[in-house]
Amino acid sequence: MHRNLRSSLAFGLLLSIFCYVPVMASAQTDDAKTQKVKAAIAKLGTGFAARVTVRLKDKTKLKGYVLDAREDYFVLVDDETNASIDVAYSRVEQVKGKSKLNWNKITAGIFVGALIIYGLTFDGNF
């Protein structure tokens, strides 16, 4: 009787050790993903220029701009409704920042290109 009890306890302990390891690994990856999302939001900054598309873990998609970034969450202003939504970093699956066009650089590029074409057309005599 004692032998069966000891072997059952040993088997239960061994089984609990193997079941415990995957739980720890998933908690670490969730924390790492949360830190990545937090870093991405911090890199984008806040304000109307910080345009993002956010996909949550429940497959909901949000589009708008980051109004404020806090320690545990950030505030997103939705494009469609103009409502501010508090989004916890841990709820986010993916963040995509939309790059804004920098019209100054585009205009300067067009101007330099026009000067080069003008210079090539007239044999370099300005």
Protein backbone atom coordinates (compact mmCIF):
# COMPACT_ATOMS: atom_id res chain seq x y z
CA MET A 1 0.00 0.00 0.00
CA HIS A 2 2.75 2.46 0.94
CA ARG A 3 4.68 1.52 -2.17
CA ASN A 4 1.75 2.41 -4.45
CA LEU A 5 1.22 5.69 -2.60
CA ARG A 6 4.89 6.66 -2.92
CA SER A 7 5.02 5.81 -6.62
CA SER A 8 1.80 7.77 -7.22
CA LEU A 9 3.24 10.79 -5.41
CA ALA A 10 6.51 10.54 -7.34
CA PHE A 11 4.61 10.29 -10.64
CA GLY A 12 2.42 13.29 -9.71
CA LEU A 13 5.46 15.36 -8.76
CA LEU A 14 7.25 14.46 -11.98
CA LEU A 15 4.17 15.29 -14.03
CA SER A 16 3.74 18.65 -12.31
CA ILE A 17 7.35 19.59 -13.09
CA PHE A 18 6.86 18.92 -16.81
CA CYS A 19 3.58 20.83 -16.88
CA TYR A 20 5.06 23.82 -15.05
CA VAL A 21 7.86 24.61 -17.52
CA PRO A 22 5.68 25.61 -20.54
CA VAL A 23 3.66 27.98 -18.37
CA MET A 24 6.81 29.83 -17.36
CA ALA A 25 8.03 30.04 -20.94
CA SER A 26 4.77 31.55 -22.21
CA ALA A 27 4.76 34.16 -19.45
CA GLN A 28 8.23 35.30 -20.46
CA THR A 29 7.29 35.61 -24.14
CA ASP A 30 4.17 37.62 -23.27
CA ASP A 31 6.28 39.98 -21.17
CA ALA A 32 8.82 40.33 -23.97
CA LYS A 33 6.06 41.06 -26.49
CA THR A 34 4.58 43.66 -24.15
CA GLN A 35 7.97 45.36 -23.87
CA LYS A 36 8.32 45.33 -27.68
CA VAL A 37 4.92 46.97 -28.12
CA LYS A 38 5.78 49.55 -25.47
CA ALA A 39 9.07 50.35 -27.23
CA ALA A 40 7.32 50.68 -30.60
CA ILE A 41 4.76 53.13 -29.20
CA ALA A 42 7.54 55.12 -27.49
CA LYS A 43 9.48 55.27 -30.77
CA LEU A 44 6.46 56.58 -32.68
CA GLY A 45 5.80 59.27 -30.09
CA THR A 46 2.51 61.02 -29.47
CA GLY A 47 0.34 63.48 -31.31
CA PHE A 48 -1.46 63.59 -34.63
CA ALA A 49 1.68 62.57 -36.53
CA ALA A 50 1.96 59.30 -34.54
CA ARG A 51 -0.42 57.33 -36.78
CA VAL A 52 -0.78 53.62 -35.97
CA THR A 53 -2.73 50.53 -36.84
CA VAL A 54 -3.08 48.25 -33.82
CA ARG A 55 -4.24 44.63 -33.89
CA LEU A 56 -5.35 43.33 -30.52
CA LYS A 57 -5.11 39.74 -29.32
CA ASP A 58 -8.87 39.33 -29.78
CA LYS A 59 -8.33 40.14 -33.54
CA THR A 60 -9.84 43.65 -33.23
CA LYS A 61 -8.17 46.25 -35.46
CA LEU A 62 -7.86 49.88 -34.36
CA LYS A 63 -6.62 52.77 -36.52
CA GLY A 64 -5.81 56.23 -35.29
CA TYR A 65 -3.11 58.20 -33.55
CA VAL A 66 -1.45 57.94 -30.15
CA LEU A 67 -2.62 60.75 -27.91
CA ASP A 68 -0.71 59.75 -24.77
CA ALA A 69 1.62 56.91 -23.72
CA ARG A 70 1.60 55.84 -20.07
CA GLU A 71 3.39 53.13 -18.08
CA ASP A 72 0.77 50.37 -18.50
CA TYR A 73 -1.32 51.61 -21.43
CA PHE A 74 -1.54 54.15 -24.21
CA VAL A 75 -4.44 56.32 -25.37
CA LEU A 76 -5.47 55.89 -28.99
CA VAL A 77 -7.81 58.30 -30.76
CA ASP A 78 -9.88 56.31 -33.27
CA ASP A 79 -10.00 57.71 -36.83
CA GLU A 80 -13.66 56.86 -37.42
CA THR A 81 -15.25 57.90 -34.13
CA ASN A 82 -12.69 60.35 -32.69
CA ALA A 83 -13.14 58.52 -29.39
CA SER A 84 -10.15 58.02 -27.10
CA ILE A 85 -9.52 54.40 -26.22
CA ASP A 86 -7.24 53.21 -23.42
CA VAL A 87 -5.29 50.23 -24.76
CA ALA A 88 -3.18 48.11 -22.42
CA TYR A 89 0.17 47.07 -23.88
CA SER A 90 -0.54 43.47 -22.88
CA ARG A 91 -3.68 43.37 -25.09
CA VAL A 92 -1.77 44.31 -28.27
CA GLU A 93 -0.71 41.64 -30.75
CA GLN A 94 0.86 43.91 -33.40
CA VAL A 95 1.59 47.62 -33.93
CA LYS A 96 2.22 49.15 -37.33
CA GLY A 97 3.31 52.76 -37.53
CA LYS A 98 2.28 54.68 -40.59
CA SER A 99 5.04 56.77 -42.04
CA LYS A 100 4.05 60.32 -42.73
CA LEU A 101 5.25 62.00 -45.88
CA ASN A 102 7.82 64.64 -45.29
CA TRP A 103 6.88 67.17 -47.94
CA ASN A 104 10.03 69.23 -47.39
CA LYS A 105 12.26 66.32 -48.40
CA ILE A 106 10.07 65.46 -51.38
CA THR A 107 10.09 69.08 -52.60
CA ALA A 108 13.87 69.33 -52.15
CA GLY A 109 14.32 66.08 -54.10
CA ILE A 110 12.19 67.35 -56.97
CA PHE A 111 14.09 70.65 -57.00
CA VAL A 112 17.50 68.92 -57.07
CA GLY A 113 16.28 66.56 -59.79
CA ALA A 114 15.05 69.49 -61.87
CA LEU A 115 18.41 71.24 -61.47
CA ILE A 116 20.27 68.12 -62.60
CA ILE A 117 18.02 67.69 -65.64
CA TYR A 118 18.36 71.41 -66.46
CA GLY A 119 22.14 71.18 -66.16
CA LEU A 120 22.33 68.08 -68.38
CA THR A 121 20.06 69.63 -70.99
CA PHE A 122 22.19 72.73 -71.45
CA ASP A 123 25.60 71.02 -71.29
CA GLY A 124 26.29 72.17 -67.75
CA ASN A 125 26.07 75.89 -68.56
CA PHE A 126 23.71 77.39 -66.04
